Amino acid sequence: SGNVWEWTSSARTDNYEASATTNTTYRAVRGGSYKSGANSCRVAYRNFFQPSERRNDLGLRLAEDVE
């Protein structure tokens, strides 16, 4: 958290209600980056970028499913 913005698989929505409009042009990123202010460097903070966005403070997290 706070190193780079982490891409998520979530599309942008106006709210979290079941009838919310989904905007597939933007994807959610979370956690802030080293260039962000302190209040946006937390896991619960969300921002939105287009999937084609390329920046040096955007990344992703790889995880392995171990059983």
PDB file of N, CA and C in Angstrom:
ATOM      1  N   SER A   1       0.836  -1.183   0.000  1.00  0.00           N
ATOM      2  CA  SER A   1       0.000   0.000   0.000  1.00  0.00           C
ATOM      3  C   SER A   1       0.882   1.248   0.000  1.00  0.00           C
ATOM      4  N   GLY A   2       0.618   2.154  -0.918  1.00  0.00           N
ATOM      5  CA  GLY A   2       1.373   3.387  -0.959  1.00  0.00           C
ATOM      6  C   GLY A   2       2.597   3.361  -1.846  1.00  0.00           C
ATOM      7  N   ASN A   3       2.975   2.204  -2.378  1.00  0.00           N
ATOM      8  CA  ASN A   3       4.120   2.124  -3.270  1.00  0.00           C
ATOM      9  C   ASN A   3       3.698   2.519  -4.688  1.00  0.00           C
ATOM     10  N   VAL A   4       2.727   1.804  -5.248  1.00  0.00           N
ATOM     11  CA  VAL A   4       2.126   2.137  -6.541  1.00  0.00           C
ATOM     12  C   VAL A   4       0.619   1.920  -6.432  1.00  0.00           C
ATOM     13  N   TRP A   5      -0.145   2.619  -7.280  1.00  0.00           N
ATOM     14  CA  TRP A   5      -1.580   2.341  -7.377  1.00  0.00           C
ATOM     15  C   TRP A   5      -1.736   0.907  -7.855  1.00  0.00           C
ATOM     16  N   GLU A   6      -2.622   0.138  -7.244  1.00  0.00           N
ATOM     17  CA  GLU A   6      -2.859  -1.249  -7.647  1.00  0.00           C
ATOM     18  C   GLU A   6      -4.113  -1.324  -8.501  1.00  0.00           C
ATOM     19  N   TRP A   7      -3.974  -1.890  -9.710  1.00  0.00           N
ATOM     20  CA  TRP A   7      -5.136  -2.121 -10.568  1.00  0.00           C
ATOM     21  C   TRP A   7      -6.049  -3.143  -9.905  1.00  0.00           C
ATOM     22  N   THR A   8      -7.365  -2.959 -10.054  1.00  0.00           N
ATOM     23  CA  THR A   8      -8.337  -3.960  -9.629  1.00  0.00           C
ATOM     24  C   THR A   8      -9.137  -4.396 -10.855  1.00  0.00           C
ATOM     25  N   SER A   9      -9.955  -5.393 -10.720  1.00  0.00           N
ATOM     26  CA  SER A   9     -10.791  -5.834 -11.837  1.00  0.00           C
ATOM     27  C   SER A   9     -12.140  -5.115 -11.856  1.00  0.00           C
ATOM     28  N   SER A  10     -12.351  -4.184 -10.930  1.00  0.00           N
ATOM     29  CA  SER A  10     -13.633  -3.489 -10.811  1.00  0.00           C
ATOM     30  C   SER A  10     -13.758  -2.338 -11.791  1.00  0.00           C
ATOM     31  N   ALA A  11     -14.906  -2.268 -12.461  1.00  0.00           N
ATOM     32  CA  ALA A  11     -15.221  -1.114 -13.301  1.00  0.00           C
ATOM     33  C   ALA A  11     -15.759  -0.004 -12.412  1.00  0.00           C
ATOM     34  N   ARG A  12     -15.724   1.214 -12.906  1.00  0.00           N
ATOM     35  CA  ARG A  12     -16.216   2.351 -12.136  1.00  0.00           C
ATOM     36  C   ARG A  12     -17.730   2.305 -12.048  1.00  0.00           C
ATOM     37  N   THR A  13     -18.264   2.513 -10.844  1.00  0.00           N
ATOM     38  CA  THR A  13     -19.703   2.631 -10.640  1.00  0.00           C
ATOM     39  C   THR A  13     -19.992   3.918  -9.895  1.00  0.00           C
ATOM     40  N   ASP A  14     -21.202   4.438 -10.087  1.00  0.00           N
ATOM     41  CA  ASP A  14     -21.585   5.672  -9.404  1.00  0.00           C
ATOM     42  C   ASP A  14     -21.769   5.452  -7.908  1.00  0.00           C
ATOM     43  N   ASN A  15     -22.219   4.274  -7.526  1.00  0.00           N
ATOM     44  CA  ASN A  15     -22.352   3.900  -6.116  1.00  0.00           C
ATOM     45  C   ASN A  15     -22.381   2.376  -6.041  1.00  0.00           C
ATOM     46  N   TYR A  16     -22.566   1.838  -4.859  1.00  0.00           N
ATOM     47  CA  TYR A  16     -22.520   0.383  -4.698  1.00  0.00           C
ATOM     48  C   TYR A  16     -23.899  -0.255  -4.612  1.00  0.00           C
ATOM     49  N   GLU A  17     -24.943   0.457  -5.019  1.00  0.00           N
ATOM     50  CA  GLU A  17     -26.280  -0.114  -5.047  1.00  0.00           C
ATOM     51  C   GLU A  17     -26.394  -1.099  -6.203  1.00  0.00           C
ATOM     52  N   ALA A  18     -27.320  -2.027  -6.116  1.00  0.00           N
ATOM     53  CA  ALA A  18     -27.495  -3.041  -7.162  1.00  0.00           C
ATOM     54  C   ALA A  18     -27.850  -2.421  -8.507  1.00  0.00           C
ATOM     55  N   SER A  19     -28.523  -1.280  -8.508  1.00  0.00           N
ATOM     56  CA  SER A  19     -28.952  -0.646  -9.753  1.00  0.00           C
ATOM     57  C   SER A  19     -27.955   0.407 -10.255  1.00  0.00           C
ATOM     58  N   ALA A  20     -26.761   0.425  -9.715  1.00  0.00           N
ATOM     59  CA  ALA A  20     -25.773   1.450 -10.078  1.00  0.00           C
ATOM     60  C   ALA A  20     -25.356   1.324 -11.544  1.00  0.00           C
ATOM     61  N   THR A  21     -25.109   2.465 -12.153  1.00  0.00           N
ATOM     62  CA  THR A  21     -24.621   2.498 -13.527  1.00  0.00           C
ATOM     63  C   THR A  21     -23.144   2.135 -13.540  1.00  0.00           C
ATOM     64  N   THR A  22     -22.748   1.246 -14.426  1.00  0.00           N
ATOM     65  CA  THR A  22     -21.345   0.839 -14.534  1.00  0.00           C
ATOM     66  C   THR A  22     -20.707   1.514 -15.733  1.00  0.00           C
ATOM     67  N   ASN A  23     -19.558   2.120 -15.507  1.00  0.00           N
ATOM     68  CA  ASN A  23     -18.801   2.779 -16.562  1.00  0.00           C
ATOM     69  C   ASN A  23     -17.589   1.919 -16.863  1.00  0.00           C
ATOM     70  N   THR A  24     -17.628   1.188 -17.963  1.00  0.00           N
ATOM     71  CA  THR A  24     -16.527   0.271 -18.279  1.00  0.00           C
ATOM     72  C   THR A  24     -15.331   0.970 -18.915  1.00  0.00           C
ATOM     73  N   THR A  25     -15.431   2.288 -19.117  1.00  0.00           N
ATOM     74  CA  THR A  25     -14.306   3.046 -19.665  1.00  0.00           C
ATOM     75  C   THR A  25     -13.187   3.177 -18.633  1.00  0.00           C
ATOM     76  N   TYR A  26     -13.542   3.155 -17.347  1.00  0.00           N
ATOM     77  CA  TYR A  26     -12.565   3.331 -16.273  1.00  0.00           C
ATOM     78  C   TYR A  26     -12.525   2.109 -15.378  1.00  0.00           C
ATOM     79  N   ARG A  27     -11.346   1.810 -14.853  1.00  0.00           N
ATOM     80  CA  ARG A  27     -11.152   0.727 -13.889  1.00  0.00           C
ATOM     81  C   ARG A  27     -10.657   1.318 -12.577  1.00  0.00           C
ATOM     82  N   ALA A  28     -11.021   0.662 -11.491  1.00  0.00           N
ATOM     83  CA  ALA A  28     -10.628   1.130 -10.170  1.00  0.00           C
ATOM     84  C   ALA A  28      -9.173   0.761  -9.885  1.00  0.00           C
ATOM     85  N   VAL A  29      -8.478   1.683  -9.252  1.00  0.00           N
ATOM     86  CA  VAL A  29      -7.152   1.433  -8.697  1.00  0.00           C
ATOM     87  C   VAL A  29      -7.238   1.772  -7.218  1.00  0.00           C
ATOM     88  N   ARG A  30      -6.389   1.187  -6.408  1.00  0.00           N
ATOM     89  CA  ARG A  30      -6.470   1.431  -4.970  1.00  0.00           C
ATOM     90  C   ARG A  30      -5.100   1.614  -4.354  1.00  0.00           C
ATOM     91  N   GLY A  31      -5.072   2.240  -3.198  1.00  0.00           N
ATOM     92  CA  GLY A  31      -3.887   2.265  -2.369  1.00  0.00           C
ATOM     93  C   GLY A  31      -2.940   3.435  -2.524  1.00  0.00           C
ATOM     94  N   GLY A  32      -3.119   4.300  -3.506  1.00  0.00           N
ATOM     95  CA  GLY A  32      -2.212   5.423  -3.664  1.00  0.00           C
ATOM     96  C   GLY A  32      -0.823   5.000  -4.114  1.00  0.00           C
ATOM     97  N   SER A  33       0.044   5.980  -4.310  1.00  0.00           N
ATOM     98  CA  SER A  33       1.408   5.689  -4.732  1.00  0.00           C
ATOM     99  C   SER A  33       2.380   6.571  -3.962  1.00  0.00           C
ATOM    100  N   TYR A  34       3.634   6.416  -4.270  1.00  0.00           N
ATOM    101  CA  TYR A  34       4.659   7.222  -3.606  1.00  0.00           C
ATOM    102  C   TYR A  34       4.495   8.709  -3.915  1.00  0.00           C
ATOM    103  N   LYS A  35       3.744   9.051  -4.967  1.00  0.00           N
ATOM    104  CA  LYS A  35       3.496  10.448  -5.319  1.00  0.00           C
ATOM    105  C   LYS A  35       2.211  10.999  -4.706  1.00  0.00           C
ATOM    106  N   SER A  36       1.444  10.164  -3.995  1.00  0.00           N
ATOM    107  CA  SER A  36       0.144  10.556  -3.454  1.00  0.00           C
ATOM    108  C   SER A  36       0.266  11.161  -2.064  1.00  0.00           C
ATOM    109  N   GLY A  37      -0.777  11.889  -1.684  1.00  0.00           N
ATOM    110  CA  GLY A  37      -0.859  12.411  -0.326  1.00  0.00           C
ATOM    111  C   GLY A  37      -1.131  11.294   0.666  1.00  0.00           C
ATOM    112  N   ALA A  38      -0.918  11.546   1.937  1.00  0.00           N
ATOM    113  CA  ALA A  38      -1.041  10.520   2.975  1.00  0.00           C
ATOM    114  C   ALA A  38      -2.437   9.908   3.049  1.00  0.00           C
ATOM    115  N   ASN A  39      -3.493  10.706   2.860  1.00  0.00           N
ATOM    116  CA  ASN A  39      -4.845  10.164   2.999  1.00  0.00           C
ATOM    117  C   ASN A  39      -5.234   9.223   1.853  1.00  0.00           C
ATOM    118  N   SER A  40      -4.552   9.254   0.716  1.00  0.00           N
ATOM    119  CA  SER A  40      -4.875   8.328  -0.369  1.00  0.00           C
ATOM    120  C   SER A  40      -3.979   7.092  -0.367  1.00  0.00           C
ATOM    121  N   CYS A  41      -3.032   7.013   0.549  1.00  0.00           N
ATOM    122  CA  CYS A  41      -2.138   5.845   0.632  1.00  0.00           C
ATOM    123  C   CYS A  41      -2.669   4.831   1.632  1.00  0.00           C
ATOM    124  N   ARG A  42      -3.875   4.362   1.387  1.00  0.00           N
ATOM    125  CA  ARG A  42      -4.480   3.317   2.202  1.00  0.00           C
ATOM    126  C   ARG A  42      -5.287   2.414   1.289  1.00  0.00           C
ATOM    127  N   VAL A  43      -5.445   1.173   1.659  1.00  0.00           N
ATOM    128  CA  VAL A  43      -6.073   0.169   0.807  1.00  0.00           C
ATOM    129  C   VAL A  43      -7.514   0.530   0.457  1.00  0.00           C
ATOM    130  N   ALA A  44      -8.236   1.169   1.355  1.00  0.00           N
ATOM    131  CA  ALA A  44      -9.643   1.483   1.117  1.00  0.00           C
ATOM    132  C   ALA A  44      -9.839   2.632   0.134  1.00  0.00           C
ATOM    133  N   TYR A  45      -8.817   3.418  -0.144  1.00  0.00           N
ATOM    134  CA  TYR A  45      -8.953   4.562  -1.054  1.00  0.00           C
ATOM    135  C   TYR A  45      -8.988   4.081  -2.497  1.00  0.00           C
ATOM    136  N   ARG A  46      -9.931   4.604  -3.274  1.00  0.00           N
ATOM    137  CA  ARG A  46     -10.079   4.224  -4.674  1.00  0.00           C
ATOM    138  C   ARG A  46      -9.933   5.433  -5.587  1.00  0.00           C
ATOM    139  N   ASN A  47      -9.406   5.209  -6.754  1.00  0.00           N
ATOM    140  CA  ASN A  47      -9.354   6.199  -7.823  1.00  0.00           C
ATOM    141  C   ASN A  47      -9.676   5.437  -9.104  1.00  0.00           C
ATOM    142  N   PHE A  48      -9.794   6.127 -10.226  1.00  0.00           N
ATOM    143  CA  PHE A  48     -10.182   5.470 -11.468  1.00  0.00           C
ATOM    144  C   PHE A  48      -9.332   5.965 -12.621  1.00  0.00           C
ATOM    145  N   PHE A  49      -8.837   5.029 -13.432  1.00  0.00           N
ATOM    146  CA  PHE A  49      -8.058   5.338 -14.626  1.00  0.00           C
ATOM    147  C   PHE A  49      -8.574   4.488 -15.782  1.00  0.00           C
ATOM    148  N   GLN A  50      -8.315   4.939 -16.988  1.00  0.00           N
ATOM    149  CA  GLN A  50      -8.626   4.124 -18.152  1.00  0.00           C
ATOM    150  C   GLN A  50      -7.617   2.982 -18.229  1.00  0.00           C
ATOM    151  N   PRO A  51      -8.049   1.793 -18.682  1.00  0.00           N
ATOM    152  CA  PRO A  51      -7.119   0.652 -18.758  1.00  0.00           C
ATOM    153  C   PRO A  51      -5.893   0.910 -19.634  1.00  0.00           C
ATOM    154  N   SER A  52      -5.988   1.842 -20.560  1.00  0.00           N
ATOM    155  CA  SER A  52      -4.845   2.150 -21.425  1.00  0.00           C
ATOM    156  C   SER A  52      -3.836   3.097 -20.771  1.00  0.00           C
ATOM    157  N   GLU A  53      -4.149   3.588 -19.589  1.00  0.00           N
ATOM    158  CA  GLU A  53      -3.271   4.533 -18.870  1.00  0.00           C
ATOM    159  C   GLU A  53      -1.933   3.881 -18.560  1.00  0.00           C
ATOM    160  N   ARG A  54      -0.846   4.584 -18.838  1.00  0.00           N
ATOM    161  CA  ARG A  54       0.499   4.094 -18.536  1.00  0.00           C
ATOM    162  C   ARG A  54       1.217   5.149 -17.703  1.00  0.00           C
ATOM    163  N   ARG A  55       1.595   4.779 -16.492  1.00  0.00           N
ATOM    164  CA  ARG A  55       2.291   5.685 -15.574  1.00  0.00           C
ATOM    165  C   ARG A  55       3.290   4.877 -14.771  1.00  0.00           C
ATOM    166  N   ASN A  56       4.287   5.557 -14.245  1.00  0.00           N
ATOM    167  CA  ASN A  56       5.292   4.833 -13.453  1.00  0.00           C
ATOM    168  C   ASN A  56       4.849   4.602 -12.015  1.00  0.00           C
ATOM    169  N   ASP A  57       3.635   5.042 -11.658  1.00  0.00           N
ATOM    170  CA  ASP A  57       3.126   4.776 -10.316  1.00  0.00           C
ATOM    171  C   ASP A  57       1.863   3.909 -10.346  1.00  0.00           C
ATOM    172  N   LEU A  58       1.685   3.122 -11.422  1.00  0.00           N
ATOM    173  CA  LEU A  58       0.589   2.153 -11.540  1.00  0.00           C
ATOM    174  C   LEU A  58       1.185   0.752 -11.598  1.00  0.00           C
ATOM    175  N   GLY A  59       0.590  -0.178 -10.880  1.00  0.00           N
ATOM    176  CA  GLY A  59       1.089  -1.545 -10.898  1.00  0.00           C
ATOM    177  C   GLY A  59      -0.009  -2.518 -10.549  1.00  0.00           C
ATOM    178  N   LEU A  60       0.370  -3.719 -10.219  1.00  0.00           N
ATOM    179  CA  LEU A  60      -0.588  -4.742  -9.815  1.00  0.00           C
ATOM    180  C   LEU A  60       0.073  -5.677  -8.828  1.00  0.00           C
ATOM    181  N   ARG A  61      -0.756  -6.462  -8.182  1.00  0.00           N
ATOM    182  CA  ARG A  61      -0.257  -7.411  -7.195  1.00  0.00           C
ATOM    183  C   ARG A  61      -0.497  -8.819  -7.711  1.00  0.00           C
ATOM    184  N   LEU A  62       0.515  -9.639  -7.677  1.00  0.00           N
ATOM    185  CA  LEU A  62       0.387 -11.037  -8.078  1.00  0.00           C
ATOM    186  C   LEU A  62       0.206 -11.885  -6.827  1.00  0.00           C
ATOM    187  N   ALA A  63      -0.720 -12.822  -6.900  1.00  0.00           N
ATOM    188  CA  ALA A  63      -0.959 -13.706  -5.773  1.00  0.00           C
ATOM    189  C   ALA A  63      -1.088 -15.142  -6.262  1.00  0.00           C
ATOM    190  N   GLU A  64      -0.635 -16.067  -5.455  1.00  0.00           N
ATOM    191  CA  GLU A  64      -0.737 -17.479  -5.803  1.00  0.00           C
ATOM    192  C   GLU A  64      -1.780 -18.120  -4.907  1.00  0.00           C
ATOM    193  N   ASP A  65      -2.671 -18.893  -5.497  1.00  0.00           N
ATOM    194  CA  ASP A  65      -3.693 -19.604  -4.748  1.00  0.00           C
ATOM    195  C   ASP A  65      -3.111 -20.947  -4.309  1.00  0.00           C
ATOM    196  N   VAL A  66      -2.812 -21.066  -3.037  1.00  0.00           N
ATOM    197  CA  VAL A  66      -2.205 -22.283  -2.498  1.00  0.00           C
ATOM    198  C   VAL A  66      -3.249 -23.020  -1.679  1.00  0.00           C
ATOM    199  N   GLU A  67      -3.405 -24.292  -1.978  1.00  0.00           N
ATOM    200  CA  GLU A  67      -4.388 -25.092  -1.224  1.00  0.00           C
ATOM    201  C   GLU A  67      -3.698 -26.025  -0.275  1.00  0.00           C
TER     202      GLU A  67
END
